Structures are given as structure tokens and as C-alpha cells.
Amino acid sequence: MGAQKDSDDNAISAELLSELHDQAQVLDVVDEGHDIALDLHTELFNPSTRERALKFLQSPRYETAAEKFRRLVNSSEPLSGGDAA
């Protein structure tokens, strides 16, 4: 059983951890975007809601997540360290 755990630990490379971290950041920004979209749907003419949406779309966090998303989607390399399906 210990040998199996060691094998599993070795399968997780630094590159894979980095990619998973990037994906988690993108998902976090997507989640925030969904919250803002819901607020816009229910309170479109509320100035604070519109300001929040614009601030979010112009934020470095959003821009970074968009770039990471494009990189992850356009990457032709499979995830390393895992079994290919």
C-alpha cells in the first residue's frame, strides 16, 4: 500500500500542480463573473452593480484569468503526470 502512495505522489509534477493552480484561478474568476452577471440581471440599472461589473472586467485579475484560460484552451499538450484517457 505504501508503494502505491509513493507512486501517486511521484505522478504529480510541479508542472501539473502549476496547471491545476492556473485552472483553479480561472474557475474562481468565472464564479465571480457569474455572480456579477446575476446581479446585472436583477439590478441592471443599479449604478453600483454596473460599476462593480466594469471594475471587474478591467481588473488585472480578470485579464490574467482570461489570458490563462486562452493558454489552457489553446495548449495542445495533455496534462502531464496523469493517465491519458
PDB file of N, CA and C in Angstrom:
ATOM      1  N   MET A   1       0.832  -1.192   0.000  1.00  0.00           N
ATOM      2  CA  MET A   1       0.000   0.000   0.000  1.00  0.00           C
ATOM      3  C   MET A   1       0.871   1.247   0.000  1.00  0.00           C
ATOM      4  N   GLY A   2       1.997   1.221   0.725  1.00  0.00           N
ATOM      5  CA  GLY A   2       2.889   2.366   0.765  1.00  0.00           C
ATOM      6  C   GLY A   2       3.520   2.638  -0.588  1.00  0.00           C
ATOM      7  N   ALA A   3       3.820   1.580  -1.344  1.00  0.00           N
ATOM      8  CA  ALA A   3       4.414   1.758  -2.669  1.00  0.00           C
ATOM      9  C   ALA A   3       3.440   2.460  -3.601  1.00  0.00           C
ATOM     10  N   GLN A   4       2.160   2.150  -3.481  1.00  0.00           N
ATOM     11  CA  GLN A   4       1.142   2.804  -4.317  1.00  0.00           C
ATOM     12  C   GLN A   4       1.073   4.286  -4.012  1.00  0.00           C
ATOM     13  N   LYS A   5       1.135   4.678  -2.734  1.00  0.00           N
ATOM     14  CA  LYS A   5       1.095   6.088  -2.353  1.00  0.00           C
ATOM     15  C   LYS A   5       2.305   6.820  -2.907  1.00  0.00           C
ATOM     16  N   ASP A   6       3.485   6.219  -2.813  1.00  0.00           N
ATOM     17  CA  ASP A   6       4.693   6.830  -3.352  1.00  0.00           C
ATOM     18  C   ASP A   6       4.564   7.037  -4.855  1.00  0.00           C
ATOM     19  N   SER A   7       4.017   6.053  -5.537  1.00  0.00           N
ATOM     20  CA  SER A   7       3.828   6.162  -6.981  1.00  0.00           C
ATOM     21  C   SER A   7       2.870   7.297  -7.317  1.00  0.00           C
ATOM     22  N   ASP A   8       1.792   7.436  -6.547  1.00  0.00           N
ATOM     23  CA  ASP A   8       0.831   8.510  -6.753  1.00  0.00           C
ATOM     24  C   ASP A   8       1.467   9.874  -6.517  1.00  0.00           C
ATOM     25  N   ASP A   9       2.282   9.988  -5.481  1.00  0.00           N
ATOM     26  CA  ASP A   9       2.952  11.251  -5.178  1.00  0.00           C
ATOM     27  C   ASP A   9       3.918  11.639  -6.288  1.00  0.00           C
ATOM     28  N   ASN A  10       4.604  10.682  -6.858  1.00  0.00           N
ATOM     29  CA  ASN A  10       5.552  10.961  -7.925  1.00  0.00           C
ATOM     30  C   ASN A  10       4.858  11.352  -9.218  1.00  0.00           C
ATOM     31  N   ALA A  11       3.595  10.963  -9.383  1.00  0.00           N
ATOM     32  CA  ALA A  11       2.850  11.265 -10.602  1.00  0.00           C
ATOM     33  C   ALA A  11       2.442  12.736 -10.657  1.00  0.00           C
ATOM     34  N   ILE A  12       2.468  13.435  -9.545  1.00  0.00           N
ATOM     35  CA  ILE A  12       2.075  14.845  -9.504  1.00  0.00           C
ATOM     36  C   ILE A  12       3.329  15.690  -9.625  1.00  0.00           C
ATOM     37  N   SER A  13       3.534  16.216 -10.808  1.00  0.00           N
ATOM     38  CA  SER A  13       4.729  17.013 -11.059  1.00  0.00           C
ATOM     39  C   SER A  13       4.466  18.475 -10.723  1.00  0.00           C
ATOM     40  N   ALA A  14       5.524  19.241 -10.662  1.00  0.00           N
ATOM     41  CA  ALA A  14       5.399  20.686 -10.411  1.00  0.00           C
ATOM     42  C   ALA A  14       4.630  21.347 -11.542  1.00  0.00           C
ATOM     43  N   GLU A  15       4.830  20.860 -12.767  1.00  0.00           N
ATOM     44  CA  GLU A  15       4.112  21.415 -13.922  1.00  0.00           C
ATOM     45  C   GLU A  15       2.607  21.172 -13.797  1.00  0.00           C
ATOM     46  N   LEU A  16       2.238  19.976 -13.382  1.00  0.00           N
ATOM     47  CA  LEU A  16       0.827  19.647 -13.209  1.00  0.00           C
ATOM     48  C   LEU A  16       0.210  20.494 -12.099  1.00  0.00           C
ATOM     49  N   LEU A  17       0.929  20.648 -10.992  1.00  0.00           N
ATOM     50  CA  LEU A  17       0.429  21.485  -9.901  1.00  0.00           C
ATOM     51  C   LEU A  17       0.244  22.931 -10.351  1.00  0.00           C
ATOM     52  N   SER A  18       1.165  23.424 -11.153  1.00  0.00           N
ATOM     53  CA  SER A  18       1.065  24.784 -11.669  1.00  0.00           C
ATOM     54  C   SER A  18      -0.157  24.924 -12.573  1.00  0.00           C
ATOM     55  N   GLU A  19      -0.383  23.943 -13.435  1.00  0.00           N
ATOM     56  CA  GLU A  19      -1.541  23.995 -14.325  1.00  0.00           C
ATOM     57  C   GLU A  19      -2.843  23.911 -13.535  1.00  0.00           C
ATOM     58  N   LEU A  20      -2.887  23.066 -12.537  1.00  0.00           N
ATOM     59  CA  LEU A  20      -4.087  22.965 -11.701  1.00  0.00           C
ATOM     60  C   LEU A  20      -4.339  24.265 -10.948  1.00  0.00           C
ATOM     61  N   HIS A  21      -3.277  24.923 -10.501  1.00  0.00           N
ATOM     62  CA  HIS A  21      -3.402  26.218  -9.828  1.00  0.00           C
ATOM     63  C   HIS A  21      -3.974  27.254 -10.792  1.00  0.00           C
ATOM     64  N   ASP A  22      -3.471  27.277 -12.017  1.00  0.00           N
ATOM     65  CA  ASP A  22      -3.994  28.206 -13.023  1.00  0.00           C
ATOM     66  C   ASP A  22      -5.471  27.943 -13.292  1.00  0.00           C
ATOM     67  N   GLN A  23      -5.839  26.680 -13.409  1.00  0.00           N
ATOM     68  CA  GLN A  23      -7.234  26.334 -13.664  1.00  0.00           C
ATOM     69  C   GLN A  23      -8.126  26.750 -12.497  1.00  0.00           C
ATOM     70  N   ALA A  24      -7.644  26.576 -11.280  1.00  0.00           N
ATOM     71  CA  ALA A  24      -8.419  26.979 -10.107  1.00  0.00           C
ATOM     72  C   ALA A  24      -8.622  28.491 -10.088  1.00  0.00           C
ATOM     73  N   GLN A  25      -7.592  29.253 -10.463  1.00  0.00           N
ATOM     74  CA  GLN A  25      -7.731  30.709 -10.514  1.00  0.00           C
ATOM     75  C   GLN A  25      -8.746  31.120 -11.576  1.00  0.00           C
ATOM     76  N   VAL A  26      -8.710  30.474 -12.724  1.00  0.00           N
ATOM     77  CA  VAL A  26      -9.670  30.783 -13.789  1.00  0.00           C
ATOM     78  C   VAL A  26     -11.092  30.479 -13.314  1.00  0.00           C
ATOM     79  N   LEU A  27     -11.280  29.333 -12.678  1.00  0.00           N
ATOM     80  CA  LEU A  27     -12.613  28.969 -12.187  1.00  0.00           C
ATOM     81  C   LEU A  27     -13.113  29.950 -11.129  1.00  0.00           C
ATOM     82  N   ASP A  28     -12.214  30.447 -10.293  1.00  0.00           N
ATOM     83  CA  ASP A  28     -12.587  31.426  -9.282  1.00  0.00           C
ATOM     84  C   ASP A  28     -13.080  32.717  -9.936  1.00  0.00           C
ATOM     85  N   VAL A  29     -12.395  33.162 -10.981  1.00  0.00           N
ATOM     86  CA  VAL A  29     -12.799  34.379 -11.683  1.00  0.00           C
ATOM     87  C   VAL A  29     -14.116  34.145 -12.432  1.00  0.00           C
ATOM     88  N   VAL A  30     -14.279  32.969 -13.020  1.00  0.00           N
ATOM     89  CA  VAL A  30     -15.536  32.642 -13.702  1.00  0.00           C
ATOM     90  C   VAL A  30     -16.689  32.682 -12.710  1.00  0.00           C
ATOM     91  N   ASP A  31     -16.473  32.140 -11.523  1.00  0.00           N
ATOM     92  CA  ASP A  31     -17.506  32.145 -10.486  1.00  0.00           C
ATOM     93  C   ASP A  31     -17.897  33.577 -10.119  1.00  0.00           C
ATOM     94  N   GLU A  32     -16.898  34.434  -9.950  1.00  0.00           N
ATOM     95  CA  GLU A  32     -17.187  35.838  -9.641  1.00  0.00           C
ATOM     96  C   GLU A  32     -17.936  36.498 -10.803  1.00  0.00           C
ATOM     97  N   GLY A  33     -17.550  36.171 -12.021  1.00  0.00           N
ATOM     98  CA  GLY A  33     -18.245  36.707 -13.195  1.00  0.00           C
ATOM     99  C   GLY A  33     -19.700  36.282 -13.236  1.00  0.00           C
ATOM    100  N   HIS A  34     -19.978  35.049 -12.859  1.00  0.00           N
ATOM    101  CA  HIS A  34     -21.366  34.581 -12.805  1.00  0.00           C
ATOM    102  C   HIS A  34     -22.160  35.362 -11.759  1.00  0.00           C
ATOM    103  N   ASP A  35     -21.542  35.620 -10.617  1.00  0.00           N
ATOM    104  CA  ASP A  35     -22.215  36.409  -9.583  1.00  0.00           C
ATOM    105  C   ASP A  35     -22.551  37.807 -10.091  1.00  0.00           C
ATOM    106  N   ILE A  36     -21.616  38.406 -10.786  1.00  0.00           N
ATOM    107  CA  ILE A  36     -21.836  39.751 -11.321  1.00  0.00           C
ATOM    108  C   ILE A  36     -22.913  39.721 -12.397  1.00  0.00           C
ATOM    109  N   ALA A  37     -22.896  38.697 -13.248  1.00  0.00           N
ATOM    110  CA  ALA A  37     -23.922  38.577 -14.292  1.00  0.00           C
ATOM    111  C   ALA A  37     -25.315  38.446 -13.671  1.00  0.00           C
ATOM    112  N   LEU A  38     -25.420  37.688 -12.598  1.00  0.00           N
ATOM    113  CA  LEU A  38     -26.708  37.560 -11.914  1.00  0.00           C
ATOM    114  C   LEU A  38     -27.144  38.897 -11.338  1.00  0.00           C
ATOM    115  N   ASP A  39     -26.197  39.620 -10.735  1.00  0.00           N
ATOM    116  CA  ASP A  39     -26.519  40.948 -10.208  1.00  0.00           C
ATOM    117  C   ASP A  39     -26.971  41.886 -11.319  1.00  0.00           C
ATOM    118  N   LEU A  40     -26.315  41.823 -12.466  1.00  0.00           N
ATOM    119  CA  LEU A  40     -26.713  42.666 -13.597  1.00  0.00           C
ATOM    120  C   LEU A  40     -28.092  42.286 -14.092  1.00  0.00           C
ATOM    121  N   HIS A  41     -28.400  41.014 -14.050  1.00  0.00           N
ATOM    122  CA  HIS A  41     -29.723  40.560 -14.485  1.00  0.00           C
ATOM    123  C   HIS A  41     -30.828  41.085 -13.564  1.00  0.00           C
ATOM    124  N   THR A  42     -30.547  41.113 -12.279  1.00  0.00           N
ATOM    125  CA  THR A  42     -31.583  41.521 -11.322  1.00  0.00           C
ATOM    126  C   THR A  42     -31.559  43.017 -11.016  1.00  0.00           C
ATOM    127  N   GLU A  43     -30.394  43.654 -11.194  1.00  0.00           N
ATOM    128  CA  GLU A  43     -30.267  45.076 -10.838  1.00  0.00           C
ATOM    129  C   GLU A  43     -29.490  45.833 -11.915  1.00  0.00           C
ATOM    130  N   LEU A  44     -29.926  45.688 -13.166  1.00  0.00           N
ATOM    131  CA  LEU A  44     -29.187  46.261 -14.282  1.00  0.00           C
ATOM    132  C   LEU A  44     -28.952  47.760 -14.154  1.00  0.00           C
ATOM    133  N   PHE A  45     -29.925  48.481 -13.663  1.00  0.00           N
ATOM    134  CA  PHE A  45     -29.816  49.931 -13.634  1.00  0.00           C
ATOM    135  C   PHE A  45     -29.262  50.471 -12.313  1.00  0.00           C
ATOM    136  N   ASN A  46     -28.839  49.580 -11.451  1.00  0.00           N
ATOM    137  CA  ASN A  46     -28.225  49.998 -10.202  1.00  0.00           C
ATOM    138  C   ASN A  46     -26.792  50.454 -10.507  1.00  0.00           C
ATOM    139  N   PRO A  47     -26.478  51.722 -10.227  1.00  0.00           N
ATOM    140  CA  PRO A  47     -25.133  52.226 -10.555  1.00  0.00           C
ATOM    141  C   PRO A  47     -24.000  51.433  -9.893  1.00  0.00           C
ATOM    142  N   SER A  48     -24.197  50.977  -8.664  1.00  0.00           N
ATOM    143  CA  SER A  48     -23.121  50.237  -8.001  1.00  0.00           C
ATOM    144  C   SER A  48     -22.891  48.875  -8.665  1.00  0.00           C
ATOM    145  N   THR A  49     -23.952  48.261  -9.180  1.00  0.00           N
ATOM    146  CA  THR A  49     -23.815  46.984  -9.874  1.00  0.00           C
ATOM    147  C   THR A  49     -23.059  47.174 -11.186  1.00  0.00           C
ATOM    148  N   ARG A  50     -23.408  48.207 -11.919  1.00  0.00           N
ATOM    149  CA  ARG A  50     -22.724  48.486 -13.175  1.00  0.00           C
ATOM    150  C   ARG A  50     -21.257  48.844 -12.925  1.00  0.00           C
ATOM    151  N   GLU A  51     -20.998  49.601 -11.872  1.00  0.00           N
ATOM    152  CA  GLU A  51     -19.623  49.966 -11.528  1.00  0.00           C
ATOM    153  C   GLU A  51     -18.817  48.725 -11.152  1.00  0.00           C
ATOM    154  N   ARG A  52     -19.438  47.835 -10.378  1.00  0.00           N
ATOM    155  CA  ARG A  52     -18.767  46.589  -9.980  1.00  0.00           C
ATOM    156  C   ARG A  52     -18.421  45.752 -11.207  1.00  0.00           C
ATOM    157  N   ALA A  53     -19.343  45.667 -12.174  1.00  0.00           N
ATOM    158  CA  ALA A  53     -19.107  44.884 -13.386  1.00  0.00           C
ATOM    159  C   ALA A  53     -17.951  45.477 -14.194  1.00  0.00           C
ATOM    160  N   LEU A  54     -17.957  46.779 -14.370  1.00  0.00           N
ATOM    161  CA  LEU A  54     -16.881  47.424 -15.124  1.00  0.00           C
ATOM    162  C   LEU A  54     -15.536  47.283 -14.425  1.00  0.00           C
ATOM    163  N   LYS A  55     -15.543  47.452 -13.117  1.00  0.00           N
ATOM    164  CA  LYS A  55     -14.306  47.313 -12.340  1.00  0.00           C
ATOM    165  C   LYS A  55     -13.748  45.892 -12.475  1.00  0.00           C
ATOM    166  N   PHE A  56     -14.635  44.900 -12.414  1.00  0.00           N
ATOM    167  CA  PHE A  56     -14.235  43.504 -12.549  1.00  0.00           C
ATOM    168  C   PHE A  56     -13.627  43.239 -13.928  1.00  0.00           C
ATOM    169  N   LEU A  57     -14.304  43.704 -14.987  1.00  0.00           N
ATOM    170  CA  LEU A  57     -13.839  43.440 -16.349  1.00  0.00           C
ATOM    171  C   LEU A  57     -12.539  44.160 -16.687  1.00  0.00           C
ATOM    172  N   GLN A  58     -12.227  45.223 -15.960  1.00  0.00           N
ATOM    173  CA  GLN A  58     -10.996  45.969 -16.197  1.00  0.00           C
ATOM    174  C   GLN A  58      -9.889  45.606 -15.204  1.00  0.00           C
ATOM    175  N   SER A  59     -10.155  44.662 -14.327  1.00  0.00           N
ATOM    176  CA  SER A  59      -9.188  44.317 -13.285  1.00  0.00           C
ATOM    177  C   SER A  59      -8.066  43.444 -13.832  1.00  0.00           C
ATOM    178  N   PRO A  60      -6.875  43.595 -13.265  1.00  0.00           N
ATOM    179  CA  PRO A  60      -5.760  42.712 -13.647  1.00  0.00           C
ATOM    180  C   PRO A  60      -6.076  41.239 -13.383  1.00  0.00           C
ATOM    181  N   ARG A  61      -6.853  40.976 -12.356  1.00  0.00           N
ATOM    182  CA  ARG A  61      -7.226  39.600 -12.012  1.00  0.00           C
ATOM    183  C   ARG A  61      -8.029  38.961 -13.153  1.00  0.00           C
ATOM    184  N   TYR A  62      -8.984  39.718 -13.697  1.00  0.00           N
ATOM    185  CA  TYR A  62      -9.788  39.222 -14.816  1.00  0.00           C
ATOM    186  C   TYR A  62      -8.917  39.045 -16.062  1.00  0.00           C
ATOM    187  N   GLU A  63      -8.084  40.028 -16.354  1.00  0.00           N
ATOM    188  CA  GLU A  63      -7.221  39.952 -17.529  1.00  0.00           C
ATOM    189  C   GLU A  63      -6.258  38.769 -17.436  1.00  0.00           C
ATOM    190  N   THR A  64      -5.703  38.537 -16.250  1.00  0.00           N
ATOM    191  CA  THR A  64      -4.807  37.404 -16.048  1.00  0.00           C
ATOM    192  C   THR A  64      -5.545  36.087 -16.242  1.00  0.00           C
ATOM    193  N   ALA A  65      -6.747  35.993 -15.693  1.00  0.00           N
ATOM    194  CA  ALA A  65      -7.532  34.764 -15.829  1.00  0.00           C
ATOM    195  C   ALA A  65      -7.914  34.520 -17.288  1.00  0.00           C
ATOM    196  N   ALA A  66      -8.254  35.581 -18.012  1.00  0.00           N
ATOM    197  CA  ALA A  66      -8.598  35.433 -19.427  1.00  0.00           C
ATOM    198  C   ALA A  66      -7.400  34.924 -20.216  1.00  0.00           C
ATOM    199  N   GLU A  67      -6.228  35.450 -19.925  1.00  0.00           N
ATOM    200  CA  GLU A  67      -5.011  35.000 -20.607  1.00  0.00           C
ATOM    201  C   GLU A  67      -4.699  33.547 -20.252  1.00  0.00           C
ATOM    202  N   LYS A  68      -4.838  33.185 -18.973  1.00  0.00           N
ATOM    203  CA  LYS A  68      -4.596  31.802 -18.558  1.00  0.00           C
ATOM    204  C   LYS A  68      -5.588  30.871 -19.236  1.00  0.00           C
ATOM    205  N   PHE A  69      -6.847  31.300 -19.341  1.00  0.00           N
ATOM    206  CA  PHE A  69      -7.871  30.484 -19.996  1.00  0.00           C
ATOM    207  C   PHE A  69      -7.494  30.246 -21.461  1.00  0.00           C
ATOM    208  N   ARG A  70      -7.110  31.312 -22.166  1.00  0.00           N
ATOM    209  CA  ARG A  70      -6.711  31.165 -23.572  1.00  0.00           C
ATOM    210  C   ARG A  70      -5.520  30.210 -23.695  1.00  0.00           C
ATOM    211  N   ARG A  71      -4.552  30.344 -22.797  1.00  0.00           N
ATOM    212  CA  ARG A  71      -3.382  29.473 -22.839  1.00  0.00           C
ATOM    213  C   ARG A  71      -3.762  28.019 -22.571  1.00  0.00           C
ATOM    214  N   LEU A  72      -4.634  27.802 -21.587  1.00  0.00           N
ATOM    215  CA  LEU A  72      -5.043  26.441 -21.247  1.00  0.00           C
ATOM    216  C   LEU A  72      -5.862  25.806 -22.371  1.00  0.00           C
ATOM    217  N   VAL A  73      -6.738  26.584 -22.990  1.00  0.00           N
ATOM    218  CA  VAL A  73      -7.587  26.055 -24.052  1.00  0.00           C
ATOM    219  C   VAL A  73      -6.789  25.796 -25.325  1.00  0.00           C
ATOM    220  N   ASN A  74      -5.847  26.668 -25.621  1.00  0.00           N
ATOM    221  CA  ASN A  74      -5.077  26.538 -26.856  1.00  0.00           C
ATOM    222  C   ASN A  74      -3.890  25.600 -26.731  1.00  0.00           C
ATOM    223  N   SER A  75      -3.602  25.130 -25.526  1.00  0.00           N
ATOM    224  CA  SER A  75      -2.474  24.228 -25.319  1.00  0.00           C
ATOM    225  C   SER A  75      -2.784  22.882 -25.959  1.00  0.00           C
ATOM    226  N   SER A  76      -1.871  22.418 -26.771  1.00  0.00           N
ATOM    227  CA  SER A  76      -2.059  21.114 -27.416  1.00  0.00           C
ATOM    228  C   SER A  76      -1.433  19.994 -26.591  1.00  0.00           C
ATOM    229  N   GLU A  77      -0.757  20.366 -25.521  1.00  0.00           N
ATOM    230  CA  GLU A  77      -0.107  19.362 -24.682  1.00  0.00           C
ATOM    231  C   GLU A  77      -1.094  18.801 -23.674  1.00  0.00           C
ATOM    232  N   PRO A  78      -1.140  17.477 -23.502  1.00  0.00           N
ATOM    233  CA  PRO A  78      -2.015  16.882 -22.488  1.00  0.00           C
ATOM    234  C   PRO A  78      -1.463  17.172 -21.096  1.00  0.00           C
ATOM    235  N   LEU A  79      -2.307  17.022 -20.097  1.00  0.00           N
ATOM    236  CA  LEU A  79      -1.854  17.167 -18.714  1.00  0.00           C
ATOM    237  C   LEU A  79      -0.749  16.165 -18.447  1.00  0.00           C
ATOM    238  N   SER A  80       0.324  16.630 -17.843  1.00  0.00           N
ATOM    239  CA  SER A  80       1.428  15.725 -17.525  1.00  0.00           C
ATOM    240  C   SER A  80       1.183  15.096 -16.158  1.00  0.00           C
ATOM    241  N   GLY A  81       1.700  13.910 -15.996  1.00  0.00           N
ATOM    242  CA  GLY A  81       1.614  13.254 -14.699  1.00  0.00           C
ATOM    243  C   GLY A  81       0.355  12.457 -14.488  1.00  0.00           C
ATOM    244  N   GLY A  82      -0.567  12.501 -15.430  1.00  0.00           N
ATOM    245  CA  GLY A  82      -1.803  11.752 -15.289  1.00  0.00           C
ATOM    246  C   GLY A  82      -1.932  10.730 -16.395  1.00  0.00           C
ATOM    247  N   ASP A  83      -2.880   9.846 -16.253  1.00  0.00           N
ATOM    248  CA  ASP A  83      -3.125   8.848 -17.286  1.00  0.00           C
ATOM    249  C   ASP A  83      -3.953   9.473 -18.388  1.00  0.00           C
ATOM    250  N   ALA A  84      -3.551   9.266 -19.616  1.00  0.00           N
ATOM    251  CA  ALA A  84      -4.317   9.778 -20.763  1.00  0.00           C
ATOM    252  C   ALA A  84      -5.537   8.906 -20.962  1.00  0.00           C
ATOM    253  N   ALA A  85      -6.647   9.546 -21.286  1.00  0.00           N
ATOM    254  CA  ALA A  85      -7.888   8.788 -21.487  1.00  0.00           C
ATOM    255  C   ALA A  85      -7.982   8.271 -22.899  1.00  0.00           C
TER     256      ALA A  85
END
